[in-house]
Amino acid sequence: MPFSPDIMRALLLICLLGMAVLAALFLRQRSLSLFAYLGWGLLIVLFPLLGPFLVLLSRPGKQRCNSL
C-alpha cells in the first residue's frame, strides 16, 4: 500500500521535528553559556536535516554533573 505524497511529507516533518527536539534536549544536559546554547539551537533550526546530527556528534560544552 503506497503512501500519498501528503502522508510522506507529514512523516518527514514529524521526523525532522523529533530530531530537533532530541537535539535540544541533549543541549539541556550540557553546560553552555546562553550565547552558545542559542548558537547551537540556531544550527538545529536552520539546518533541520544535518543540524541535530552535528550537535550530537560535536558534544558542545561539558556534561553537567547530576548530583542526586
PDB file of N, CA and C in Angstrom:
ATOM      1  N   MET A   1       0.843  -1.175   0.000  1.00  0.00           N
ATOM      2  CA  MET A   1       0.000   0.000   0.000  1.00  0.00           C
ATOM      3  C   MET A   1       0.894   1.245   0.000  1.00  0.00           C
ATOM      4  N   PRO A   2       1.013   1.912  -1.141  1.00  0.00           N
ATOM      5  CA  PRO A   2       1.842   3.115  -1.209  1.00  0.00           C
ATOM      6  C   PRO A   2       1.180   4.291  -0.491  1.00  0.00           C
ATOM      7  N   PHE A   3       2.017   5.118   0.097  1.00  0.00           N
ATOM      8  CA  PHE A   3       1.518   6.299   0.794  1.00  0.00           C
ATOM      9  C   PHE A   3       1.375   7.454  -0.192  1.00  0.00           C
ATOM     10  N   SER A   4       0.436   8.321   0.088  1.00  0.00           N
ATOM     11  CA  SER A   4       0.267   9.509  -0.743  1.00  0.00           C
ATOM     12  C   SER A   4       1.388  10.500  -0.429  1.00  0.00           C
ATOM     13  N   PRO A   5       1.665  11.433  -1.337  1.00  0.00           N
ATOM     14  CA  PRO A   5       2.719  12.425  -1.074  1.00  0.00           C
ATOM     15  C   PRO A   5       2.449  13.265   0.169  1.00  0.00           C
ATOM     16  N   ASP A   6       1.203  13.534   0.464  1.00  0.00           N
ATOM     17  CA  ASP A   6       0.887  14.318   1.661  1.00  0.00           C
ATOM     18  C   ASP A   6       1.255  13.578   2.938  1.00  0.00           C
ATOM     19  N   ILE A   7       1.011  12.292   2.968  1.00  0.00           N
ATOM     20  CA  ILE A   7       1.364  11.487   4.146  1.00  0.00           C
ATOM     21  C   ILE A   7       2.883  11.404   4.279  1.00  0.00           C
ATOM     22  N   MET A   8       3.583  11.247   3.158  1.00  0.00           N
ATOM     23  CA  MET A   8       5.048  11.178   3.206  1.00  0.00           C
ATOM     24  C   MET A   8       5.645  12.498   3.698  1.00  0.00           C
ATOM     25  N   ARG A   9       5.089  13.627   3.261  1.00  0.00           N
ATOM     26  CA  ARG A   9       5.575  14.928   3.740  1.00  0.00           C
ATOM     27  C   ARG A   9       5.324  15.088   5.232  1.00  0.00           C
ATOM     28  N   ALA A  10       4.156  14.640   5.692  1.00  0.00           N
ATOM     29  CA  ALA A  10       3.839  14.745   7.116  1.00  0.00           C
ATOM     30  C   ALA A  10       4.791  13.883   7.938  1.00  0.00           C
ATOM     31  N   LEU A  11       5.081  12.683   7.478  1.00  0.00           N
ATOM     32  CA  LEU A  11       6.017  11.813   8.188  1.00  0.00           C
ATOM     33  C   LEU A  11       7.426  12.405   8.208  1.00  0.00           C
ATOM     34  N   LEU A  12       7.851  13.018   7.108  1.00  0.00           N
ATOM     35  CA  LEU A  12       9.160  13.665   7.065  1.00  0.00           C
ATOM     36  C   LEU A  12       9.214  14.825   8.044  1.00  0.00           C
ATOM     37  N   LEU A  13       8.167  15.615   8.103  1.00  0.00           N
ATOM     38  CA  LEU A  13       8.123  16.741   9.032  1.00  0.00           C
ATOM     39  C   LEU A  13       8.157  16.269  10.479  1.00  0.00           C
ATOM     40  N   ILE A  14       7.443  15.205  10.787  1.00  0.00           N
ATOM     41  CA  ILE A  14       7.447  14.651  12.146  1.00  0.00           C
ATOM     42  C   ILE A  14       8.843  14.158  12.526  1.00  0.00           C
ATOM     43  N   CYS A  15       9.525  13.511  11.594  1.00  0.00           N
ATOM     44  CA  CYS A  15      10.885  13.030  11.868  1.00  0.00           C
ATOM     45  C   CYS A  15      11.848  14.193  12.092  1.00  0.00           C
ATOM     46  N   LEU A  16      11.751  15.233  11.272  1.00  0.00           N
ATOM     47  CA  LEU A  16      12.629  16.391  11.430  1.00  0.00           C
ATOM     48  C   LEU A  16      12.379  17.093  12.761  1.00  0.00           C
ATOM     49  N   LEU A  17      11.120  17.257  13.132  1.00  0.00           N
ATOM     50  CA  LEU A  17      10.797  17.879  14.416  1.00  0.00           C
ATOM     51  C   LEU A  17      11.267  17.015  15.580  1.00  0.00           C
ATOM     52  N   GLY A  18      11.126  15.698  15.455  1.00  0.00           N
ATOM     53  CA  GLY A  18      11.589  14.790  16.501  1.00  0.00           C
ATOM     54  C   GLY A  18      13.093  14.869  16.694  1.00  0.00           C
ATOM     55  N   MET A  19      13.843  14.944  15.589  1.00  0.00           N
ATOM     56  CA  MET A  19      15.302  15.071  15.705  1.00  0.00           C
ATOM     57  C   MET A  19      15.691  16.393  16.350  1.00  0.00           C
ATOM     58  N   ALA A  20      14.986  17.460  16.010  1.00  0.00           N
ATOM     59  CA  ALA A  20      15.287  18.767  16.596  1.00  0.00           C
ATOM     60  C   ALA A  20      15.003  18.774  18.092  1.00  0.00           C
ATOM     61  N   VAL A  21      13.914  18.155  18.500  1.00  0.00           N
ATOM     62  CA  VAL A  21      13.575  18.094  19.927  1.00  0.00           C
ATOM     63  C   VAL A  21      14.610  17.274  20.690  1.00  0.00           C
ATOM     64  N   LEU A  22      15.013  16.143  20.129  1.00  0.00           N
ATOM     65  CA  LEU A  22      16.021  15.319  20.799  1.00  0.00           C
ATOM     66  C   LEU A  22      17.361  16.052  20.922  1.00  0.00           C
ATOM     67  N   ALA A  23      17.751  16.787  19.893  1.00  0.00           N
ATOM     68  CA  ALA A  23      19.000  17.543  19.963  1.00  0.00           C
ATOM     69  C   ALA A  23      18.898  18.667  20.990  1.00  0.00           C
ATOM     70  N   ALA A  24      17.734  19.323  21.075  1.00  0.00           N
ATOM     71  CA  ALA A  24      17.552  20.385  22.066  1.00  0.00           C
ATOM     72  C   ALA A  24      17.582  19.812  23.481  1.00  0.00           C
ATOM     73  N   LEU A  25      16.993  18.659  23.676  1.00  0.00           N
ATOM     74  CA  LEU A  25      17.048  18.014  24.991  1.00  0.00           C
ATOM     75  C   LEU A  25      18.478  17.617  25.346  1.00  0.00           C
ATOM     76  N   PHE A  26      19.246  17.205  24.344  1.00  0.00           N
ATOM     77  CA  PHE A  26      20.654  16.888  24.577  1.00  0.00           C
ATOM     78  C   PHE A  26      21.419  18.128  25.020  1.00  0.00           C
ATOM     79  N   LEU A  27      21.116  19.281  24.385  1.00  0.00           N
ATOM     80  CA  LEU A  27      21.799  20.516  24.754  1.00  0.00           C
ATOM     81  C   LEU A  27      21.487  20.930  26.187  1.00  0.00           C
ATOM     82  N   ARG A  28      20.307  20.610  26.678  1.00  0.00           N
ATOM     83  CA  ARG A  28      19.952  20.949  28.054  1.00  0.00           C
ATOM     84  C   ARG A  28      20.842  20.234  29.060  1.00  0.00           C
ATOM     85  N   GLN A  29      21.391  19.086  28.675  1.00  0.00           N
ATOM     86  CA  GLN A  29      22.241  18.322  29.581  1.00  0.00           C
ATOM     87  C   GLN A  29      23.680  18.824  29.594  1.00  0.00           C
ATOM     88  N   ARG A  30      24.010  19.737  28.696  1.00  0.00           N
ATOM     89  CA  ARG A  30      25.371  20.248  28.596  1.00  0.00           C
ATOM     90  C   ARG A  30      25.483  21.585  29.311  1.00  0.00           C
ATOM     91  N   SER A  31      26.658  21.880  29.818  1.00  0.00           N
ATOM     92  CA  SER A  31      26.915  23.146  30.488  1.00  0.00           C
ATOM     93  C   SER A  31      27.401  24.156  29.454  1.00  0.00           C
ATOM     94  N   LEU A  32      26.506  25.042  29.012  1.00  0.00           N
ATOM     95  CA  LEU A  32      26.819  26.016  27.976  1.00  0.00           C
ATOM     96  C   LEU A  32      26.409  27.406  28.427  1.00  0.00           C
ATOM     97  N   SER A  33      27.069  28.415  27.850  1.00  0.00           N
ATOM     98  CA  SER A  33      26.624  29.780  28.095  1.00  0.00           C
ATOM     99  C   SER A  33      25.346  30.021  27.292  1.00  0.00           C
ATOM    100  N   LEU A  34      24.687  31.121  27.569  1.00  0.00           N
ATOM    101  CA  LEU A  34      23.439  31.433  26.883  1.00  0.00           C
ATOM    102  C   LEU A  34      23.676  31.608  25.386  1.00  0.00           C
ATOM    103  N   PHE A  35      24.753  32.301  25.020  1.00  0.00           N
ATOM    104  CA  PHE A  35      25.029  32.524  23.604  1.00  0.00           C
ATOM    105  C   PHE A  35      25.409  31.224  22.896  1.00  0.00           C
ATOM    106  N   ALA A  36      26.126  30.359  23.550  1.00  0.00           N
ATOM    107  CA  ALA A  36      26.467  29.069  22.948  1.00  0.00           C
ATOM    108  C   ALA A  36      25.211  28.225  22.760  1.00  0.00           C
ATOM    109  N   TYR A  37      24.330  28.243  23.752  1.00  0.00           N
ATOM    110  CA  TYR A  37      23.087  27.488  23.643  1.00  0.00           C
ATOM    111  C   TYR A  37      22.243  28.021  22.486  1.00  0.00           C
ATOM    112  N   LEU A  38      22.167  29.354  22.353  1.00  0.00           N
ATOM    113  CA  LEU A  38      21.407  29.945  21.253  1.00  0.00           C
ATOM    114  C   LEU A  38      22.051  29.635  19.899  1.00  0.00           C
ATOM    115  N   GLY A  39      23.367  29.648  19.850  1.00  0.00           N
ATOM    116  CA  GLY A  39      24.064  29.341  18.602  1.00  0.00           C
ATOM    117  C   GLY A  39      23.829  27.910  18.144  1.00  0.00           C
ATOM    118  N   TRP A  40      23.952  26.979  19.072  1.00  0.00           N
ATOM    119  CA  TRP A  40      23.703  25.581  18.716  1.00  0.00           C
ATOM    120  C   TRP A  40      22.230  25.365  18.388  1.00  0.00           C
ATOM    121  N   GLY A  41      21.353  26.072  19.081  1.00  0.00           N
ATOM    122  CA  GLY A  41      19.925  25.983  18.772  1.00  0.00           C
ATOM    123  C   GLY A  41      19.613  26.509  17.380  1.00  0.00           C
ATOM    124  N   LEU A  42      20.282  27.591  16.994  1.00  0.00           N
ATOM    125  CA  LEU A  42      20.094  28.101  15.631  1.00  0.00           C
ATOM    126  C   LEU A  42      20.584  27.097  14.595  1.00  0.00           C
ATOM    127  N   LEU A  43      21.665  26.412  14.886  1.00  0.00           N
ATOM    128  CA  LEU A  43      22.148  25.379  13.972  1.00  0.00           C
ATOM    129  C   LEU A  43      21.095  24.284  13.799  1.00  0.00           C
ATOM    130  N   ILE A  44      20.457  23.909  14.884  1.00  0.00           N
ATOM    131  CA  ILE A  44      19.415  22.882  14.816  1.00  0.00           C
ATOM    132  C   ILE A  44      18.252  23.351  13.949  1.00  0.00           C
ATOM    133  N   VAL A  45      17.862  24.611  14.121  1.00  0.00           N
ATOM    134  CA  VAL A  45      16.685  25.124  13.416  1.00  0.00           C
ATOM    135  C   VAL A  45      16.991  25.454  11.956  1.00  0.00           C
ATOM    136  N   LEU A  46      18.153  26.058  11.695  1.00  0.00           N
ATOM    137  CA  LEU A  46      18.455  26.492  10.333  1.00  0.00           C
ATOM    138  C   LEU A  46      18.847  25.352   9.402  1.00  0.00           C
ATOM    139  N   PHE A  47      19.407  24.290   9.944  1.00  0.00           N
ATOM    140  CA  PHE A  47      19.767  23.117   9.147  1.00  0.00           C
ATOM    141  C   PHE A  47      19.027  21.907   9.724  1.00  0.00           C
ATOM    142  N   PRO A  48      17.737  21.777   9.408  1.00  0.00           N
ATOM    143  CA  PRO A  48      16.924  20.772  10.099  1.00  0.00           C
ATOM    144  C   PRO A  48      17.335  19.324   9.850  1.00  0.00           C
ATOM    145  N   LEU A  49      17.965  19.030   8.735  1.00  0.00           N
ATOM    146  CA  LEU A  49      18.338  17.645   8.479  1.00  0.00           C
ATOM    147  C   LEU A  49      19.715  17.318   9.048  1.00  0.00           C
ATOM    148  N   LEU A  50      20.661  18.229   8.915  1.00  0.00           N
ATOM    149  CA  LEU A  50      22.035  17.969   9.336  1.00  0.00           C
ATOM    150  C   LEU A  50      22.356  18.541  10.715  1.00  0.00           C
ATOM    151  N   GLY A  51      21.676  19.612  11.119  1.00  0.00           N
ATOM    152  CA  GLY A  51      21.960  20.299  12.371  1.00  0.00           C
ATOM    153  C   GLY A  51      21.910  19.426  13.616  1.00  0.00           C
ATOM    154  N   PRO A  52      20.834  18.653  13.831  1.00  0.00           N
ATOM    155  CA  PRO A  52      20.791  17.805  15.032  1.00  0.00           C
ATOM    156  C   PRO A  52      21.930  16.790  15.098  1.00  0.00           C
ATOM    157  N   PHE A  53      22.311  16.232  13.956  1.00  0.00           N
ATOM    158  CA  PHE A  53      23.419  15.281  13.943  1.00  0.00           C
ATOM    159  C   PHE A  53      24.731  15.967  14.310  1.00  0.00           C
ATOM    160  N   LEU A  54      24.939  17.191  13.803  1.00  0.00           N
ATOM    161  CA  LEU A  54      26.163  17.921  14.120  1.00  0.00           C
ATOM    162  C   LEU A  54      26.244  18.261  15.602  1.00  0.00           C
ATOM    163  N   VAL A  55      25.108  18.605  16.199  1.00  0.00           N
ATOM    164  CA  VAL A  55      25.094  18.924  17.629  1.00  0.00           C
ATOM    165  C   VAL A  55      25.446  17.693  18.453  1.00  0.00           C
ATOM    166  N   LEU A  56      24.854  16.561  18.116  1.00  0.00           N
ATOM    167  CA  LEU A  56      25.116  15.340  18.883  1.00  0.00           C
ATOM    168  C   LEU A  56      26.555  14.857  18.699  1.00  0.00           C
ATOM    169  N   LEU A  57      27.080  14.973  17.489  1.00  0.00           N
ATOM    170  CA  LEU A  57      28.439  14.491  17.239  1.00  0.00           C
ATOM    171  C   LEU A  57      29.505  15.393  17.835  1.00  0.00           C
ATOM    172  N   SER A  58      29.261  16.708  17.893  1.00  0.00           N
ATOM    173  CA  SER A  58      30.287  17.619  18.392  1.00  0.00           C
ATOM    174  C   SER A  58      30.312  17.700  19.915  1.00  0.00           C
ATOM    175  N   ARG A  59      29.234  17.340  20.585  1.00  0.00           N
ATOM    176  CA  ARG A  59      29.133  17.365  22.047  1.00  0.00           C
ATOM    177  C   ARG A  59      29.646  18.674  22.637  1.00  0.00           C
ATOM    178  N   PRO A  60      28.936  19.788  22.384  1.00  0.00           N
ATOM    179  CA  PRO A  60      29.425  21.092  22.857  1.00  0.00           C
ATOM    180  C   PRO A  60      29.381  21.202  24.375  1.00  0.00           C
ATOM    181  N   GLY A  61      30.312  21.973  24.931  1.00  0.00           N
ATOM    182  CA  GLY A  61      30.343  22.213  26.370  1.00  0.00           C
ATOM    183  C   GLY A  61      30.725  20.971  27.158  1.00  0.00           C
ATOM    184  N   LYS A  62      30.600  21.091  28.462  1.00  0.00           N
ATOM    185  CA  LYS A  62      30.893  19.963  29.348  1.00  0.00           C
ATOM    186  C   LYS A  62      29.594  19.386  29.868  1.00  0.00           C
ATOM    187  N   GLN A  63      29.623  18.108  30.173  1.00  0.00           N
ATOM    188  CA  GLN A  63      28.425  17.461  30.702  1.00  0.00           C
ATOM    189  C   GLN A  63      28.211  17.930  32.121  1.00  0.00           C
ATOM    190  N   ARG A  64      26.955  18.219  32.442  1.00  0.00           N
ATOM    191  CA  ARG A  64      26.621  18.646  33.808  1.00  0.00           C
ATOM    192  C   ARG A  64      26.694  17.455  34.743  1.00  0.00           C
ATOM    193  N   CYS A  65      27.122  17.708  35.971  1.00  0.00           N
ATOM    194  CA  CYS A  65      27.146  16.662  36.989  1.00  0.00           C
ATOM    195  C   CYS A  65      25.768  16.604  37.622  1.00  0.00           C
ATOM    196  N   ASN A  66      25.172  15.443  37.582  1.00  0.00           N
ATOM    197  CA  ASN A  66      23.865  15.253  38.209  1.00  0.00           C
ATOM    198  C   ASN A  66      24.062  14.716  39.618  1.00  0.00           C
ATOM    199  N   SER A  67      23.900  15.579  40.589  1.00  0.00           N
ATOM    200  CA  SER A  67      24.030  15.129  41.983  1.00  0.00           C
ATOM    201  C   SER A  67      22.628  14.868  42.534  1.00  0.00           C
ATOM    202  N   LEU A  68      22.419  13.655  42.927  1.00  0.00           N
ATOM    203  CA  LEU A  68      21.104  13.273  43.436  1.00  0.00           C
ATOM    204  C   LEU A  68      21.069  13.309  44.942  1.00  0.00           C
TER     205      LEU A  68
END
